[in-house]
Amino acid sequence: MSNNFEQKKVIVSEIKQKFETAQSAVFVDYRGLTVAEVTELRTECRKAGVEYVVLKNTMIELAAKELGIEGLDPYLKGPTAVAFGHKDPASPAKILSDFIKKTKKMELKCAVIDKQTLDATGAQALADLPPKEVLIAKMMGSLNAPITNFVGVLSATLRSLVYAIEAVRKQKGGEE
């Protein structure tokens, strides 16, 4: 086997590992970015625990095939960069979407979450999700609401009972 073939096997193995350890991967066409913009984007990604790498489409395709990720082929045309989210599945999409709005360059291609491929619209929907903390707060509020309502009903019932007993006491005692 040639040395080149061995190098490609290593690259495919590294890409597979990135897919396996990441919670999500967002693919972009990065044409038109300057070196300074790429550096700025990489810095933003690093701060959020996102790994931004430029990869060859054929290597991505081989790694995806080995992992059983389907539906990527139509998106692997032209230059491709991938942002792997290791901490939060939505953070790569948010960072890239914000950067695209700011620079008016690049284009979301797709996203992969749990070996499921989302188109550009799905990747944008992922970017539009509220932050994880907000979602947790909403969930906790939803869980807390029935308990709060139940306590309110109990206190209203007790209040009504107290008013009824007080009215009977006044009536029996001759007070009005």
C-alpha atoms as a PDB file:
ATOM      1  CA  MET A   1       0.000   0.000   0.000  1.00  0.00           C
ATOM      2  CA  SER A   2       1.171   3.471  -0.769  1.00  0.00           C
ATOM      3  CA  ASN A   3       2.083   6.026   1.836  1.00  0.00           C
ATOM      4  CA  ASN A   4      -0.609   8.341   0.441  1.00  0.00           C
ATOM      5  CA  PHE A   5      -3.295   5.709   1.033  1.00  0.00           C
ATOM      6  CA  GLU A   6      -2.150   5.257   4.636  1.00  0.00           C
ATOM      7  CA  GLN A   7      -2.268   9.024   5.204  1.00  0.00           C
ATOM      8  CA  LYS A   8      -5.834   9.138   3.875  1.00  0.00           C
ATOM      9  CA  LYS A   9      -6.836   6.287   6.184  1.00  0.00           C
ATOM     10  CA  VAL A  10      -5.455   8.261   9.134  1.00  0.00           C
ATOM     11  CA  ILE A  11      -7.341  11.404   8.053  1.00  0.00           C
ATOM     12  CA  VAL A  12     -10.602   9.460   7.655  1.00  0.00           C
ATOM     13  CA  SER A  13     -10.061   7.914  11.095  1.00  0.00           C
ATOM     14  CA  GLU A  14      -9.558  11.384  12.633  1.00  0.00           C
ATOM     15  CA  ILE A  15     -12.729  12.693  10.981  1.00  0.00           C
ATOM     16  CA  LYS A  16     -14.661   9.660  12.258  1.00  0.00           C
ATOM     17  CA  GLN A  17     -13.404  10.384  15.767  1.00  0.00           C
ATOM     18  CA  LYS A  18     -14.538  14.015  15.480  1.00  0.00           C
ATOM     19  CA  PHE A  19     -18.030  12.879  14.434  1.00  0.00           C
ATOM     20  CA  GLU A  20     -18.187  10.356  17.281  1.00  0.00           C
ATOM     21  CA  THR A  21     -17.110  12.784  20.012  1.00  0.00           C
ATOM     22  CA  ALA A  22     -19.099  15.795  18.784  1.00  0.00           C
ATOM     23  CA  GLN A  23     -22.729  16.393  19.710  1.00  0.00           C
ATOM     24  CA  SER A  24     -23.277  18.066  16.346  1.00  0.00           C
ATOM     25  CA  ALA A  25     -21.481  19.012  13.160  1.00  0.00           C
ATOM     26  CA  VAL A  26     -22.446  21.970  10.981  1.00  0.00           C
ATOM     27  CA  PHE A  27     -21.185  22.214   7.401  1.00  0.00           C
ATOM     28  CA  VAL A  28     -20.555  25.524   5.628  1.00  0.00           C
ATOM     29  CA  ASP A  29     -19.315  26.786   2.301  1.00  0.00           C
ATOM     30  CA  TYR A  30     -16.611  29.202   3.432  1.00  0.00           C
ATOM     31  CA  ARG A  31     -15.872  30.932   0.106  1.00  0.00           C
ATOM     32  CA  GLY A  32     -15.106  34.624   0.286  1.00  0.00           C
ATOM     33  CA  LEU A  33     -13.646  34.771   3.788  1.00  0.00           C
ATOM     34  CA  THR A  34     -10.434  36.654   4.363  1.00  0.00           C
ATOM     35  CA  VAL A  35      -7.672  35.258   6.552  1.00  0.00           C
ATOM     36  CA  ALA A  36      -8.585  37.767   9.275  1.00  0.00           C
ATOM     37  CA  GLU A  37     -12.243  36.664   9.176  1.00  0.00           C
ATOM     38  CA  VAL A  38     -11.306  32.983   9.376  1.00  0.00           C
ATOM     39  CA  THR A  39      -9.060  33.757  12.344  1.00  0.00           C
ATOM     40  CA  GLU A  40     -11.888  35.658  14.045  1.00  0.00           C
ATOM     41  CA  LEU A  41     -14.311  32.793  13.384  1.00  0.00           C
ATOM     42  CA  ARG A  42     -11.887  30.205  14.760  1.00  0.00           C
ATOM     43  CA  THR A  43     -11.415  32.326  17.895  1.00  0.00           C
ATOM     44  CA  GLU A  44     -15.183  32.572  18.443  1.00  0.00           C
ATOM     45  CA  CYS A  45     -15.526  28.835  17.912  1.00  0.00           C
ATOM     46  CA  ARG A  46     -12.721  28.008  20.326  1.00  0.00           C
ATOM     47  CA  LYS A  47     -14.336  30.138  23.076  1.00  0.00           C
ATOM     48  CA  ALA A  48     -17.562  28.120  22.741  1.00  0.00           C
ATOM     49  CA  GLY A  49     -15.899  24.702  22.664  1.00  0.00           C
ATOM     50  CA  VAL A  50     -16.463  24.335  18.921  1.00  0.00           C
ATOM     51  CA  GLU A  51     -13.812  22.928  16.598  1.00  0.00           C
ATOM     52  CA  TYR A  52     -13.794  24.574  13.146  1.00  0.00           C
ATOM     53  CA  VAL A  53     -11.878  22.676  10.465  1.00  0.00           C
ATOM     54  CA  VAL A  54     -11.644  22.686   6.683  1.00  0.00           C
ATOM     55  CA  LEU A  55     -11.938  19.143   5.345  1.00  0.00           C
ATOM     56  CA  LYS A  56     -11.879  17.437   1.980  1.00  0.00           C
ATOM     57  CA  ASN A  57     -15.299  16.326   0.814  1.00  0.00           C
ATOM     58  CA  THR A  58     -14.058  12.867  -0.174  1.00  0.00           C
ATOM     59  CA  MET A  59     -12.599  12.291   3.290  1.00  0.00           C
ATOM     60  CA  ILE A  60     -15.846  13.433   4.952  1.00  0.00           C
ATOM     61  CA  GLU A  61     -17.798  11.145   2.635  1.00  0.00           C
ATOM     62  CA  LEU A  62     -15.646   8.109   3.514  1.00  0.00           C
ATOM     63  CA  ALA A  63     -15.865   8.803   7.266  1.00  0.00           C
ATOM     64  CA  ALA A  64     -19.640   9.340   7.085  1.00  0.00           C
ATOM     65  CA  LYS A  65     -20.097   6.122   5.141  1.00  0.00           C
ATOM     66  CA  GLU A  66     -18.120   4.164   7.752  1.00  0.00           C
ATOM     67  CA  LEU A  67     -20.232   5.682  10.548  1.00  0.00           C
ATOM     68  CA  GLY A  68     -23.543   5.068   8.764  1.00  0.00           C
ATOM     69  CA  ILE A  69     -24.362   8.757   8.319  1.00  0.00           C
ATOM     70  CA  GLU A  70     -26.578   9.082   5.270  1.00  0.00           C
ATOM     71  CA  GLY A  71     -27.760  12.026   3.210  1.00  0.00           C
ATOM     72  CA  LEU A  72     -24.524  14.050   3.193  1.00  0.00           C
ATOM     73  CA  ASP A  73     -23.592  13.504  -0.467  1.00  0.00           C
ATOM     74  CA  PRO A  74     -25.629  16.406  -1.931  1.00  0.00           C
ATOM     75  CA  TYR A  75     -23.949  18.851   0.482  1.00  0.00           C
ATOM     76  CA  LEU A  76     -20.373  17.758  -0.193  1.00  0.00           C
ATOM     77  CA  LYS A  77     -19.815  19.983  -3.201  1.00  0.00           C
ATOM     78  CA  GLY A  78     -17.406  22.918  -3.271  1.00  0.00           C
ATOM     79  CA  PRO A  79     -15.257  24.028  -0.354  1.00  0.00           C
ATOM     80  CA  THR A  80     -16.440  22.631   2.957  1.00  0.00           C
ATOM     81  CA  ALA A  81     -15.631  23.571   6.522  1.00  0.00           C
ATOM     82  CA  VAL A  82     -17.138  21.746   9.471  1.00  0.00           C
ATOM     83  CA  ALA A  83     -17.813  23.086  12.952  1.00  0.00           C
ATOM     84  CA  PHE A  84     -17.958  20.287  15.525  1.00  0.00           C
ATOM     85  CA  GLY A  85     -19.851  21.126  18.715  1.00  0.00           C
ATOM     86  CA  HIS A  86     -18.429  19.258  21.684  1.00  0.00           C
ATOM     87  CA  LYS A  87     -20.285  20.989  24.533  1.00  0.00           C
ATOM     88  CA  ASP A  88     -23.620  22.143  23.112  1.00  0.00           C
ATOM     89  CA  PRO A  89     -25.225  20.782  19.930  1.00  0.00           C
ATOM     90  CA  ALA A  90     -26.632  24.181  18.961  1.00  0.00           C
ATOM     91  CA  SER A  91     -23.500  26.280  19.509  1.00  0.00           C
ATOM     92  CA  PRO A  92     -21.775  25.577  16.141  1.00  0.00           C
ATOM     93  CA  ALA A  93     -24.937  26.516  14.245  1.00  0.00           C
ATOM     94  CA  LYS A  94     -25.402  29.673  16.348  1.00  0.00           C
ATOM     95  CA  ILE A  95     -21.804  30.823  15.897  1.00  0.00           C
ATOM     96  CA  LEU A  96     -21.797  30.184  12.153  1.00  0.00           C
ATOM     97  CA  SER A  97     -25.233  31.729  11.638  1.00  0.00           C
ATOM     98  CA  ASP A  98     -24.246  34.871  13.561  1.00  0.00           C
ATOM     99  CA  PHE A  99     -20.982  35.073  11.622  1.00  0.00           C
ATOM    100  CA  ILE A 100     -22.830  34.729   8.314  1.00  0.00           C
ATOM    101  CA  LYS A 101     -25.226  37.541   9.304  1.00  0.00           C
ATOM    102  CA  LYS A 102     -22.277  39.715  10.323  1.00  0.00           C
ATOM    103  CA  THR A 103     -20.054  39.140   7.282  1.00  0.00           C
ATOM    104  CA  LYS A 104     -22.687  38.385   4.617  1.00  0.00           C
ATOM    105  CA  LYS A 105     -20.285  35.657   3.479  1.00  0.00           C
ATOM    106  CA  MET A 106     -20.372  31.879   3.744  1.00  0.00           C
ATOM    107  CA  GLU A 107     -23.419  29.678   3.490  1.00  0.00           C
ATOM    108  CA  LEU A 108     -24.826  26.994   5.775  1.00  0.00           C
ATOM    109  CA  LYS A 109     -24.911  23.683   3.928  1.00  0.00           C
ATOM    110  CA  CYS A 110     -26.275  21.213   6.470  1.00  0.00           C
ATOM    111  CA  ALA A 111     -25.869  19.796   9.965  1.00  0.00           C
ATOM    112  CA  VAL A 112     -25.491  16.329  11.448  1.00  0.00           C
ATOM    113  CA  ILE A 113     -26.921  15.431  14.848  1.00  0.00           C
ATOM    114  CA  ASP A 114     -27.068  11.833  16.104  1.00  0.00           C
ATOM    115  CA  LYS A 115     -26.147  10.553  12.630  1.00  0.00           C
ATOM    116  CA  GLN A 116     -29.160  12.402  11.179  1.00  0.00           C
ATOM    117  CA  THR A 117     -28.543  14.911   8.402  1.00  0.00           C
ATOM    118  CA  LEU A 118     -30.438  18.204   8.497  1.00  0.00           C
ATOM    119  CA  ASP A 119     -30.606  20.488   5.466  1.00  0.00           C
ATOM    120  CA  ALA A 120     -29.670  24.187   5.592  1.00  0.00           C
ATOM    121  CA  THR A 121     -33.134  25.075   6.939  1.00  0.00           C
ATOM    122  CA  GLY A 122     -32.728  22.525   9.729  1.00  0.00           C
ATOM    123  CA  ALA A 123     -29.267  23.856  10.520  1.00  0.00           C
ATOM    124  CA  GLN A 124     -30.712  27.389  10.726  1.00  0.00           C
ATOM    125  CA  ALA A 125     -33.516  26.136  12.988  1.00  0.00           C
ATOM    126  CA  LEU A 126     -30.836  24.660  15.232  1.00  0.00           C
ATOM    127  CA  ALA A 127     -29.125  28.062  15.301  1.00  0.00           C
ATOM    128  CA  ASP A 128     -32.407  29.766  16.218  1.00  0.00           C
ATOM    129  CA  LEU A 129     -32.962  27.614  19.310  1.00  0.00           C
ATOM    130  CA  PRO A 130     -32.758  29.526  22.581  1.00  0.00           C
ATOM    131  CA  PRO A 131     -29.663  28.883  24.721  1.00  0.00           C
ATOM    132  CA  LYS A 132     -29.582  25.687  26.773  1.00  0.00           C
ATOM    133  CA  GLU A 133     -30.024  27.607  30.037  1.00  0.00           C
ATOM    134  CA  VAL A 134     -33.223  29.274  28.732  1.00  0.00           C
ATOM    135  CA  LEU A 135     -34.644  25.922  27.634  1.00  0.00           C
ATOM    136  CA  ILE A 136     -33.911  24.434  31.062  1.00  0.00           C
ATOM    137  CA  ALA A 137     -35.520  27.423  32.782  1.00  0.00           C
ATOM    138  CA  LYS A 138     -38.641  27.068  30.612  1.00  0.00           C
ATOM    139  CA  MET A 139     -38.820  23.373  31.387  1.00  0.00           C
ATOM    140  CA  MET A 140     -38.459  23.998  35.106  1.00  0.00           C
ATOM    141  CA  GLY A 141     -41.159  26.670  34.908  1.00  0.00           C
ATOM    142  CA  SER A 142     -43.461  24.229  33.140  1.00  0.00           C
ATOM    143  CA  LEU A 143     -42.813  21.594  35.788  1.00  0.00           C
ATOM    144  CA  ASN A 144     -43.320  24.118  38.577  1.00  0.00           C
ATOM    145  CA  ALA A 145     -46.611  25.538  37.221  1.00  0.00           C
ATOM    146  CA  PRO A 146     -48.872  22.581  38.142  1.00  0.00           C
ATOM    147  CA  ILE A 147     -47.502  22.545  41.695  1.00  0.00           C
ATOM    148  CA  THR A 148     -48.044  26.289  42.045  1.00  0.00           C
ATOM    149  CA  ASN A 149     -51.585  25.990  40.698  1.00  0.00           C
ATOM    150  CA  PHE A 150     -52.318  23.073  43.049  1.00  0.00           C
ATOM    151  CA  VAL A 151     -51.096  25.070  46.060  1.00  0.00           C
ATOM    152  CA  GLY A 152     -53.249  28.002  44.902  1.00  0.00           C
ATOM    153  CA  VAL A 153     -56.349  25.784  44.672  1.00  0.00           C
ATOM    154  CA  LEU A 154     -55.681  24.298  48.117  1.00  0.00           C
ATOM    155  CA  SER A 155     -55.216  27.699  49.713  1.00  0.00           C
ATOM    156  CA  ALA A 156     -58.373  29.020  48.010  1.00  0.00           C
ATOM    157  CA  THR A 157     -60.339  26.027  49.337  1.00  0.00           C
ATOM    158  CA  LEU A 158     -58.958  26.545  52.832  1.00  0.00           C
ATOM    159  CA  ARG A 159     -59.709  30.274  52.612  1.00  0.00           C
ATOM    160  CA  SER A 160     -63.311  29.515  51.587  1.00  0.00           C
ATOM    161  CA  LEU A 161     -63.655  27.065  54.471  1.00  0.00           C
ATOM    162  CA  VAL A 162     -62.321  29.654  56.943  1.00  0.00           C
ATOM    163  CA  TYR A 163     -64.778  32.275  55.597  1.00  0.00           C
ATOM    164  CA  ALA A 164     -67.664  29.809  55.893  1.00  0.00           C
ATOM    165  CA  ILE A 165     -66.735  28.877  59.477  1.00  0.00           C
ATOM    166  CA  GLU A 166     -66.374  32.553  60.384  1.00  0.00           C
ATOM    167  CA  ALA A 167     -69.804  33.313  58.882  1.00  0.00           C
ATOM    168  CA  VAL A 168     -71.387  30.443  60.875  1.00  0.00           C
ATOM    169  CA  ARG A 169     -69.647  31.618  64.055  1.00  0.00           C
ATOM    170  CA  LYS A 170     -70.939  35.164  63.550  1.00  0.00           C
ATOM    171  CA  GLN A 171     -74.430  33.894  62.846  1.00  0.00           C
ATOM    172  CA  LYS A 172     -74.502  31.665  65.928  1.00  0.00           C
ATOM    173  CA  GLY A 173     -72.864  34.277  68.091  1.00  0.00           C
ATOM    174  CA  GLY A 174     -75.350  36.911  67.003  1.00  0.00           C
ATOM    175  CA  GLU A 175     -72.750  39.081  65.357  1.00  0.00           C
ATOM    176  CA  GLU A 176     -73.227  40.385  61.889  1.00  0.00           C
END
